């Protein structure tokens, strides 16, 4: 949770998105090795106009960022992001929000 709050706090004024927030998540384990098994996690959810289009743009960017599309928001699961990549994630989310205005 603390890490997700840090990421959210690095976005200037939540990058103008007061609706961006920390979320509790359940992350699937492995690539099919444990079907149905999940681990608790935290992340950041950022509502955008077209979550599908924004997720595709992040997948094609450099570095590539994967996000879940849930309820019209992009959700970034921090269990799947190495701590040393948090800065890249913050920059990608900030750029995404700036482009979404």
Protein backbone atom coordinates (compact mmCIF):
# COMPACT_ATOMS: atom_id res chain seq x y z
CA UNK A 1 0.00 0.00 0.00
CA UNK A 2 2.77 2.44 0.92
CA UNK A 3 4.43 1.95 -2.44
CA UNK A 4 1.16 2.55 -4.32
CA UNK A 5 0.58 5.70 -2.27
CA UNK A 6 4.11 6.85 -3.15
CA UNK A 7 3.49 6.32 -6.88
CA UNK A 8 0.19 8.20 -6.67
CA UNK A 9 1.85 10.99 -4.69
CA UNK A 10 4.51 11.45 -7.39
CA UNK A 11 1.85 12.43 -9.92
CA UNK A 12 1.52 16.23 -9.68
CA UNK A 13 -1.83 16.78 -7.95
CA UNK A 14 -2.57 13.23 -9.04
CA UNK A 15 -1.75 14.68 -12.48
CA UNK A 16 -4.92 16.71 -12.38
CA UNK A 17 -6.92 13.55 -11.78
CA UNK A 18 -8.38 13.55 -8.28
CA UNK A 19 -10.16 10.34 -9.29
CA UNK A 20 -6.83 8.46 -9.51
CA UNK A 21 -6.53 6.31 -6.40
CA UNK A 22 -4.84 3.39 -4.65
CA UNK A 23 -6.63 0.06 -5.09
CA UNK A 24 -6.44 -3.31 -3.38
CA UNK A 25 -5.92 -6.07 -5.95
CA UNK A 26 -5.68 -9.84 -6.32
CA UNK A 27 -2.89 -10.82 -8.73
CA UNK A 28 -2.95 -14.10 -10.64
CA UNK A 29 0.01 -16.35 -9.85
CA UNK A 30 2.31 -17.55 -12.61
CA UNK A 31 1.56 -18.11 -16.28
CA UNK A 32 -1.07 -20.77 -15.78
CA UNK A 33 0.96 -22.92 -13.40
CA UNK A 34 -1.51 -22.30 -10.55
CA UNK A 35 -4.90 -21.72 -12.19
CA UNK A 36 -7.24 -19.64 -10.04
CA UNK A 37 -4.58 -18.86 -7.43
CA UNK A 38 -4.03 -15.21 -6.53
CA UNK A 39 -1.88 -13.10 -4.24
CA UNK A 40 -2.90 -9.87 -2.53
CA UNK A 41 -1.45 -6.72 -4.02
CA UNK A 42 -1.91 -2.96 -4.26
CA UNK A 43 -1.85 -0.69 -7.25
CA UNK A 44 -2.96 2.59 -8.71
CA UNK A 45 -6.14 3.06 -10.76
CA UNK A 46 -6.29 5.97 -13.21
CA UNK A 47 -9.58 6.65 -15.03
CA UNK A 48 -9.06 7.73 -18.65
CA UNK A 49 -11.37 8.41 -21.60
CA UNK A 50 -10.41 5.26 -23.50
CA UNK A 51 -8.75 2.72 -21.22
CA UNK A 52 -8.35 0.17 -24.03
CA UNK A 53 -6.61 2.67 -26.31
CA UNK A 54 -4.43 3.98 -23.47
CA UNK A 55 -3.40 0.45 -22.44
CA UNK A 56 -2.42 -0.33 -26.04
CA UNK A 57 -0.30 2.85 -26.23
CA UNK A 58 1.50 1.94 -22.99
CA UNK A 59 2.24 -1.57 -24.28
CA UNK A 60 3.86 -0.05 -27.39
CA UNK A 61 5.84 2.60 -25.49
CA UNK A 62 9.37 2.51 -24.17
CA UNK A 63 9.59 1.10 -21.63
CA UNK A 64 6.59 -1.13 -22.21
CA UNK A 65 4.02 -0.85 -19.45
CA UNK A 66 1.24 -3.38 -18.88
CA UNK A 67 -1.96 -2.29 -17.19
CA UNK A 68 -5.31 -3.90 -16.47
CA UNK A 69 -8.45 -2.30 -17.83
CA UNK A 70 -11.05 -2.35 -15.06
CA UNK A 71 -14.22 -0.26 -14.99
CA UNK A 72 -12.98 2.40 -17.40
CA UNK A 73 -9.69 2.83 -15.56
CA UNK A 74 -6.17 1.65 -16.12
CA UNK A 75 -4.97 -0.28 -13.09
CA UNK A 76 -1.26 -0.69 -12.46
CA UNK A 77 -0.46 -3.69 -10.22
CA UNK A 78 2.71 -2.94 -8.29
CA UNK A 79 3.34 -6.61 -7.51
CA UNK A 80 4.27 -6.95 -11.17
CA UNK A 81 6.59 -3.91 -11.28
CA UNK A 82 10.15 -3.99 -9.93
CA UNK A 83 10.75 -1.26 -7.34
CA UNK A 84 13.57 0.24 -9.42
CA UNK A 85 11.05 0.76 -12.26
CA UNK A 86 8.68 2.91 -10.16
CA UNK A 87 10.08 6.13 -11.67
CA UNK A 88 9.43 4.85 -15.21
CA UNK A 89 5.89 3.94 -14.17
CA UNK A 90 5.28 7.42 -12.71
CA UNK A 91 6.55 9.07 -15.92
CA UNK A 92 4.40 6.79 -18.10
CA UNK A 93 1.24 7.46 -16.06
CA UNK A 94 1.94 11.21 -16.05
CA UNK A 95 2.44 11.22 -19.83
CA UNK A 96 -0.68 9.17 -20.35
CA UNK A 97 -2.80 11.53 -18.28
CA UNK A 98 -1.36 14.60 -20.02
CA UNK A 99 -2.26 13.07 -23.40
CA UNK A 100 -5.76 12.17 -22.14
CA UNK A 101 -6.75 15.78 -21.32
